[in-house]
Amino acid sequence: MSNQRKGKYQSKDTSHNDMKFFKCLKMAGTVLKGAGHEDEAFYFEQLVDHLSSGKHLPLTEEEMTRALGV
């Protein structure tokens, strides 16, 4: 028998996945701009700006409309 109590469960930090997603959006904008698709790249840059300003990921149509500036 042990007198040691069970440790509390701690979930993994999700900031690493958030940074990967942020990097993915940024890279997509760069690739599109390099391929001559400036209009499409603009919307990826809008999402990068939205997320880098500390706002959460837009998950509804209304939030996405605001984030993209449409």
PDB file of N, CA and C in Angstrom:
ATOM      1  N   MET A   1       0.831  -1.185   0.000  1.00  0.00           N
ATOM      2  CA  MET A   1       0.000   0.000   0.000  1.00  0.00           C
ATOM      3  C   MET A   1       0.871   1.242   0.000  1.00  0.00           C
ATOM      4  N   SER A   2       0.426   2.207  -0.734  1.00  0.00           N
ATOM      5  CA  SER A   2       1.194   3.440  -0.829  1.00  0.00           C
ATOM      6  C   SER A   2       0.392   4.604  -0.264  1.00  0.00           C
ATOM      7  N   ASN A   3       1.065   5.474   0.409  1.00  0.00           N
ATOM      8  CA  ASN A   3       0.418   6.664   0.946  1.00  0.00           C
ATOM      9  C   ASN A   3       0.451   7.830  -0.040  1.00  0.00           C
ATOM     10  N   GLN A   4       0.991   7.576  -1.210  1.00  0.00           N
ATOM     11  CA  GLN A   4       1.102   8.642  -2.198  1.00  0.00           C
ATOM     12  C   GLN A   4      -0.229   8.813  -2.921  1.00  0.00           C
ATOM     13  N   ARG A   5      -0.670  10.047  -3.043  1.00  0.00           N
ATOM     14  CA  ARG A   5      -1.943  10.294  -3.728  1.00  0.00           C
ATOM     15  C   ARG A   5      -1.714  10.354  -5.234  1.00  0.00           C
ATOM     16  N   LYS A   6      -2.783  10.156  -5.982  1.00  0.00           N
ATOM     17  CA  LYS A   6      -2.712  10.186  -7.435  1.00  0.00           C
ATOM     18  C   LYS A   6      -2.410  11.596  -7.923  1.00  0.00           C
ATOM     19  N   GLY A   7      -1.625  11.683  -8.958  1.00  0.00           N
ATOM     20  CA  GLY A   7      -1.347  12.983  -9.562  1.00  0.00           C
ATOM     21  C   GLY A   7      -2.546  13.466 -10.360  1.00  0.00           C
ATOM     22  N   LYS A   8      -2.658  14.760 -10.501  1.00  0.00           N
ATOM     23  CA  LYS A   8      -3.766  15.332 -11.263  1.00  0.00           C
ATOM     24  C   LYS A   8      -3.428  15.286 -12.747  1.00  0.00           C
ATOM     25  N   TYR A   9      -4.439  15.017 -13.542  1.00  0.00           N
ATOM     26  CA  TYR A   9      -4.275  14.958 -14.988  1.00  0.00           C
ATOM     27  C   TYR A   9      -4.179  16.374 -15.542  1.00  0.00           C
ATOM     28  N   GLN A  10      -3.185  16.613 -16.368  1.00  0.00           N
ATOM     29  CA  GLN A  10      -3.043  17.910 -17.022  1.00  0.00           C
ATOM     30  C   GLN A  10      -3.044  17.686 -18.521  1.00  0.00           C
ATOM     31  N   SER A  11      -3.908  18.419 -19.217  1.00  0.00           N
ATOM     32  CA  SER A  11      -3.967  18.263 -20.662  1.00  0.00           C
ATOM     33  C   SER A  11      -2.745  18.911 -21.299  1.00  0.00           C
ATOM     34  N   LYS A  12      -2.417  18.451 -22.485  1.00  0.00           N
ATOM     35  CA  LYS A  12      -1.264  18.992 -23.191  1.00  0.00           C
ATOM     36  C   LYS A  12      -1.557  20.412 -23.653  1.00  0.00           C
ATOM     37  N   ASP A  13      -0.518  21.194 -23.735  1.00  0.00           N
ATOM     38  CA  ASP A  13      -0.637  22.569 -24.190  1.00  0.00           C
ATOM     39  C   ASP A  13      -0.938  22.575 -25.684  1.00  0.00           C
ATOM     40  N   THR A  14      -1.960  23.316 -26.104  1.00  0.00           N
ATOM     41  CA  THR A  14      -2.347  23.358 -27.512  1.00  0.00           C
ATOM     42  C   THR A  14      -1.688  24.508 -28.257  1.00  0.00           C
ATOM     43  N   SER A  15      -0.879  25.306 -27.587  1.00  0.00           N
ATOM     44  CA  SER A  15      -0.270  26.453 -28.260  1.00  0.00           C
ATOM     45  C   SER A  15       0.663  26.010 -29.382  1.00  0.00           C
ATOM     46  N   HIS A  16       1.257  24.835 -29.257  1.00  0.00           N
ATOM     47  CA  HIS A  16       2.145  24.339 -30.309  1.00  0.00           C
ATOM     48  C   HIS A  16       1.352  24.083 -31.588  1.00  0.00           C
ATOM     49  N   ASN A  17       0.172  23.491 -31.466  1.00  0.00           N
ATOM     50  CA  ASN A  17      -0.666  23.252 -32.637  1.00  0.00           C
ATOM     51  C   ASN A  17      -1.173  24.560 -33.214  1.00  0.00           C
ATOM     52  N   ASP A  18      -1.468  25.533 -32.358  1.00  0.00           N
ATOM     53  CA  ASP A  18      -1.915  26.837 -32.830  1.00  0.00           C
ATOM     54  C   ASP A  18      -0.823  27.507 -33.654  1.00  0.00           C
ATOM     55  N   MET A  19       0.407  27.379 -33.207  1.00  0.00           N
ATOM     56  CA  MET A  19       1.517  27.985 -33.939  1.00  0.00           C
ATOM     57  C   MET A  19       1.730  27.294 -35.286  1.00  0.00           C
ATOM     58  N   LYS A  20       1.516  25.989 -35.333  1.00  0.00           N
ATOM     59  CA  LYS A  20       1.632  25.274 -36.602  1.00  0.00           C
ATOM     60  C   LYS A  20       0.562  25.749 -37.579  1.00  0.00           C
ATOM     61  N   PHE A  21      -0.653  25.943 -37.078  1.00  0.00           N
ATOM     62  CA  PHE A  21      -1.745  26.413 -37.927  1.00  0.00           C
ATOM     63  C   PHE A  21      -1.456  27.827 -38.425  1.00  0.00           C
ATOM     64  N   PHE A  22      -0.962  28.677 -37.533  1.00  0.00           N
ATOM     65  CA  PHE A  22      -0.605  30.051 -37.880  1.00  0.00           C
ATOM     66  C   PHE A  22       0.467  30.053 -38.970  1.00  0.00           C
ATOM     67  N   LYS A  23       1.485  29.215 -38.801  1.00  0.00           N
ATOM     68  CA  LYS A  23       2.569  29.114 -39.779  1.00  0.00           C
ATOM     69  C   LYS A  23       2.040  28.602 -41.116  1.00  0.00           C
ATOM     70  N   CYS A  24       1.109  27.673 -41.074  1.00  0.00           N
ATOM     71  CA  CYS A  24       0.509  27.113 -42.287  1.00  0.00           C
ATOM     72  C   CYS A  24      -0.232  28.193 -43.075  1.00  0.00           C
ATOM     73  N   LEU A  25      -1.033  28.999 -42.372  1.00  0.00           N
ATOM     74  CA  LEU A  25      -1.761  30.082 -43.041  1.00  0.00           C
ATOM     75  C   LEU A  25      -0.801  31.094 -43.655  1.00  0.00           C
ATOM     76  N   LYS A  26       0.239  31.418 -42.916  1.00  0.00           N
ATOM     77  CA  LYS A  26       1.224  32.388 -43.389  1.00  0.00           C
ATOM     78  C   LYS A  26       1.936  31.871 -44.640  1.00  0.00           C
ATOM     79  N   MET A  27       2.307  30.584 -44.615  1.00  0.00           N
ATOM     80  CA  MET A  27       2.996  29.982 -45.747  1.00  0.00           C
ATOM     81  C   MET A  27       2.077  29.896 -46.968  1.00  0.00           C
ATOM     82  N   ALA A  28       0.805  29.594 -46.746  1.00  0.00           N
ATOM     83  CA  ALA A  28      -0.146  29.524 -47.857  1.00  0.00           C
ATOM     84  C   ALA A  28      -0.256  30.881 -48.543  1.00  0.00           C
ATOM     85  N   GLY A  29      -0.306  31.947 -47.754  1.00  0.00           N
ATOM     86  CA  GLY A  29      -0.355  33.288 -48.331  1.00  0.00           C
ATOM     87  C   GLY A  29       0.885  33.600 -49.146  1.00  0.00           C
ATOM     88  N   THR A  30       2.043  33.201 -48.639  1.00  0.00           N
ATOM     89  CA  THR A  30       3.304  33.445 -49.344  1.00  0.00           C
ATOM     90  C   THR A  30       3.361  32.668 -50.653  1.00  0.00           C
ATOM     91  N   VAL A  31       2.948  31.404 -50.622  1.00  0.00           N
ATOM     92  CA  VAL A  31       2.971  30.564 -51.825  1.00  0.00           C
ATOM     93  C   VAL A  31       2.004  31.104 -52.871  1.00  0.00           C
ATOM     94  N   LEU A  32       0.808  31.487 -52.443  1.00  0.00           N
ATOM     95  CA  LEU A  32      -0.170  32.026 -53.389  1.00  0.00           C
ATOM     96  C   LEU A  32       0.318  33.330 -54.010  1.00  0.00           C
ATOM     97  N   LYS A  33       0.919  34.176 -53.196  1.00  0.00           N
ATOM     98  CA  LYS A  33       1.434  35.445 -53.712  1.00  0.00           C
ATOM     99  C   LYS A  33       2.553  35.196 -54.717  1.00  0.00           C
ATOM    100  N   GLY A  34       3.417  34.224 -54.423  1.00  0.00           N
ATOM    101  CA  GLY A  34       4.509  33.880 -55.328  1.00  0.00           C
ATOM    102  C   GLY A  34       4.023  33.291 -56.640  1.00  0.00           C
ATOM    103  N   ALA A  35       2.856  32.651 -56.611  1.00  0.00           N
ATOM    104  CA  ALA A  35       2.288  32.049 -57.819  1.00  0.00           C
ATOM    105  C   ALA A  35       1.431  33.042 -58.595  1.00  0.00           C
ATOM    106  N   GLY A  36       1.378  34.282 -58.112  1.00  0.00           N
ATOM    107  CA  GLY A  36       0.618  35.298 -58.840  1.00  0.00           C
ATOM    108  C   GLY A  36      -0.841  35.387 -58.452  1.00  0.00           C
ATOM    109  N   HIS A  37      -1.228  34.778 -57.348  1.00  0.00           N
ATOM    110  CA  HIS A  37      -2.618  34.824 -56.880  1.00  0.00           C
ATOM    111  C   HIS A  37      -2.726  35.797 -55.705  1.00  0.00           C
ATOM    112  N   GLU A  38      -2.533  37.079 -55.992  1.00  0.00           N
ATOM    113  CA  GLU A  38      -2.531  38.090 -54.929  1.00  0.00           C
ATOM    114  C   GLU A  38      -3.875  38.203 -54.223  1.00  0.00           C
ATOM    115  N   ASP A  39      -4.971  38.080 -54.975  1.00  0.00           N
ATOM    116  CA  ASP A  39      -6.303  38.211 -54.367  1.00  0.00           C
ATOM    117  C   ASP A  39      -6.557  37.114 -53.337  1.00  0.00           C
ATOM    118  N   GLU A  40      -6.213  35.884 -53.687  1.00  0.00           N
ATOM    119  CA  GLU A  40      -6.410  34.771 -52.762  1.00  0.00           C
ATOM    120  C   GLU A  40      -5.474  34.885 -51.561  1.00  0.00           C
ATOM    121  N   ALA A  41      -4.237  35.312 -51.807  1.00  0.00           N
ATOM    122  CA  ALA A  41      -3.258  35.462 -50.730  1.00  0.00           C
ATOM    123  C   ALA A  41      -3.705  36.515 -49.729  1.00  0.00           C
ATOM    124  N   PHE A  42      -4.412  37.535 -50.199  1.00  0.00           N
ATOM    125  CA  PHE A  42      -4.892  38.603 -49.320  1.00  0.00           C
ATOM    126  C   PHE A  42      -5.762  38.047 -48.198  1.00  0.00           C
ATOM    127  N   TYR A  43      -6.631  37.083 -48.521  1.00  0.00           N
ATOM    128  CA  TYR A  43      -7.532  36.535 -47.507  1.00  0.00           C
ATOM    129  C   TYR A  43      -6.785  35.687 -46.476  1.00  0.00           C
ATOM    130  N   PHE A  44      -5.747  34.994 -46.903  1.00  0.00           N
ATOM    131  CA  PHE A  44      -4.926  34.260 -45.938  1.00  0.00           C
ATOM    132  C   PHE A  44      -4.208  35.239 -45.017  1.00  0.00           C
ATOM    133  N   GLU A  45      -3.725  36.345 -45.590  1.00  0.00           N
ATOM    134  CA  GLU A  45      -3.067  37.370 -44.778  1.00  0.00           C
ATOM    135  C   GLU A  45      -4.049  38.000 -43.797  1.00  0.00           C
ATOM    136  N   GLN A  46      -5.301  38.144 -44.207  1.00  0.00           N
ATOM    137  CA  GLN A  46      -6.329  38.676 -43.311  1.00  0.00           C
ATOM    138  C   GLN A  46      -6.505  37.756 -42.103  1.00  0.00           C
ATOM    139  N   LEU A  47      -6.539  36.451 -42.346  1.00  0.00           N
ATOM    140  CA  LEU A  47      -6.669  35.492 -41.244  1.00  0.00           C
ATOM    141  C   LEU A  47      -5.441  35.517 -40.335  1.00  0.00           C
ATOM    142  N   VAL A  48      -4.254  35.641 -40.920  1.00  0.00           N
ATOM    143  CA  VAL A  48      -3.033  35.725 -40.119  1.00  0.00           C
ATOM    144  C   VAL A  48      -3.083  36.966 -39.232  1.00  0.00           C
ATOM    145  N   ASP A  49      -3.484  38.095 -39.796  1.00  0.00           N
ATOM    146  CA  ASP A  49      -3.595  39.333 -39.012  1.00  0.00           C
ATOM    147  C   ASP A  49      -4.628  39.193 -37.906  1.00  0.00           C
ATOM    148  N   HIS A  50      -5.738  38.547 -38.225  1.00  0.00           N
ATOM    149  CA  HIS A  50      -6.816  38.348 -37.247  1.00  0.00           C
ATOM    150  C   HIS A  50      -6.313  37.531 -36.057  1.00  0.00           C
ATOM    151  N   LEU A  51      -5.615  36.446 -36.343  1.00  0.00           N
ATOM    152  CA  LEU A  51      -5.120  35.574 -35.278  1.00  0.00           C
ATOM    153  C   LEU A  51      -3.954  36.201 -34.515  1.00  0.00           C
ATOM    154  N   SER A  52      -3.099  36.932 -35.216  1.00  0.00           N
ATOM    155  CA  SER A  52      -1.948  37.532 -34.536  1.00  0.00           C
ATOM    156  C   SER A  52      -2.348  38.700 -33.645  1.00  0.00           C
ATOM    157  N   SER A  53      -3.541  39.247 -33.860  1.00  0.00           N
ATOM    158  CA  SER A  53      -4.007  40.330 -32.992  1.00  0.00           C
ATOM    159  C   SER A  53      -4.604  39.791 -31.694  1.00  0.00           C
ATOM    160  N   GLY A  54      -4.569  38.471 -31.525  1.00  0.00           N
ATOM    161  CA  GLY A  54      -5.028  37.870 -30.279  1.00  0.00           C
ATOM    162  C   GLY A  54      -6.458  37.381 -30.313  1.00  0.00           C
ATOM    163  N   LYS A  55      -7.111  37.503 -31.449  1.00  0.00           N
ATOM    164  CA  LYS A  55      -8.497  37.045 -31.558  1.00  0.00           C
ATOM    165  C   LYS A  55      -8.519  35.539 -31.797  1.00  0.00           C
ATOM    166  N   HIS A  56      -9.651  34.917 -31.472  1.00  0.00           N
ATOM    167  CA  HIS A  56      -9.762  33.461 -31.610  1.00  0.00           C
ATOM    168  C   HIS A  56     -10.069  33.073 -33.053  1.00  0.00           C
ATOM    169  N   LEU A  57      -9.918  31.802 -33.335  1.00  0.00           N
ATOM    170  CA  LEU A  57     -10.171  31.256 -34.657  1.00  0.00           C
ATOM    171  C   LEU A  57     -11.650  31.397 -34.992  1.00  0.00           C
ATOM    172  N   PRO A  58     -11.991  32.014 -36.118  1.00  0.00           N
ATOM    173  CA  PRO A  58     -13.402  32.179 -36.472  1.00  0.00           C
ATOM    174  C   PRO A  58     -14.022  30.839 -36.870  1.00  0.00           C
ATOM    175  N   LEU A  59     -15.057  30.432 -36.139  1.00  0.00           N
ATOM    176  CA  LEU A  59     -15.669  29.125 -36.377  1.00  0.00           C
ATOM    177  C   LEU A  59     -17.091  29.211 -36.907  1.00  0.00           C
ATOM    178  N   THR A  60     -17.656  30.397 -36.958  1.00  0.00           N
ATOM    179  CA  THR A  60     -18.990  30.554 -37.537  1.00  0.00           C
ATOM    180  C   THR A  60     -18.870  31.404 -38.791  1.00  0.00           C
ATOM    181  N   GLU A  61     -19.906  31.370 -39.606  1.00  0.00           N
ATOM    182  CA  GLU A  61     -19.889  32.142 -40.849  1.00  0.00           C
ATOM    183  C   GLU A  61     -19.790  33.640 -40.562  1.00  0.00           C
ATOM    184  N   GLU A  62     -20.478  34.085 -39.531  1.00  0.00           N
ATOM    185  CA  GLU A  62     -20.458  35.506 -39.170  1.00  0.00           C
ATOM    186  C   GLU A  62     -19.066  35.942 -38.703  1.00  0.00           C
ATOM    187  N   GLU A  63     -18.433  35.120 -37.876  1.00  0.00           N
ATOM    188  CA  GLU A  63     -17.084  35.437 -37.401  1.00  0.00           C
ATOM    189  C   GLU A  63     -16.083  35.438 -38.551  1.00  0.00           C
ATOM    190  N   MET A  64     -16.231  34.490 -39.480  1.00  0.00           N
ATOM    191  CA  MET A  64     -15.326  34.412 -40.623  1.00  0.00           C
ATOM    192  C   MET A  64     -15.501  35.624 -41.532  1.00  0.00           C
ATOM    193  N   THR A  65     -16.737  36.066 -41.701  1.00  0.00           N
ATOM    194  CA  THR A  65     -17.003  37.252 -42.515  1.00  0.00           C
ATOM    195  C   THR A  65     -16.289  38.462 -41.934  1.00  0.00           C
ATOM    196  N   ARG A  66     -16.363  38.605 -40.611  1.00  0.00           N
ATOM    197  CA  ARG A  66     -15.675  39.722 -39.952  1.00  0.00           C
ATOM    198  C   ARG A  66     -14.160  39.592 -40.073  1.00  0.00           C
ATOM    199  N   ALA A  67     -13.646  38.383 -39.896  1.00  0.00           N
ATOM    200  CA  ALA A  67     -12.197  38.175 -39.936  1.00  0.00           C
ATOM    201  C   ALA A  67     -11.627  38.452 -41.324  1.00  0.00           C
ATOM    202  N   LEU A  68     -12.376  38.090 -42.356  1.00  0.00           N
ATOM    203  CA  LEU A  68     -11.904  38.295 -43.725  1.00  0.00           C
ATOM    204  C   LEU A  68     -12.183  39.698 -44.242  1.00  0.00           C
ATOM    205  N   GLY A  69     -13.027  40.435 -43.543  1.00  0.00           N
ATOM    206  CA  GLY A  69     -13.357  41.791 -43.978  1.00  0.00           C
ATOM    207  C   GLY A  69     -14.242  41.820 -45.207  1.00  0.00           C
ATOM    208  N   VAL A  70     -15.048  40.809 -45.375  1.00  0.00           N
ATOM    209  CA  VAL A  70     -15.941  40.716 -46.542  1.00  0.00           C
ATOM    210  C   VAL A  70     -17.229  41.458 -46.259  1.00  0.00           C
TER     211      VAL A  70
END
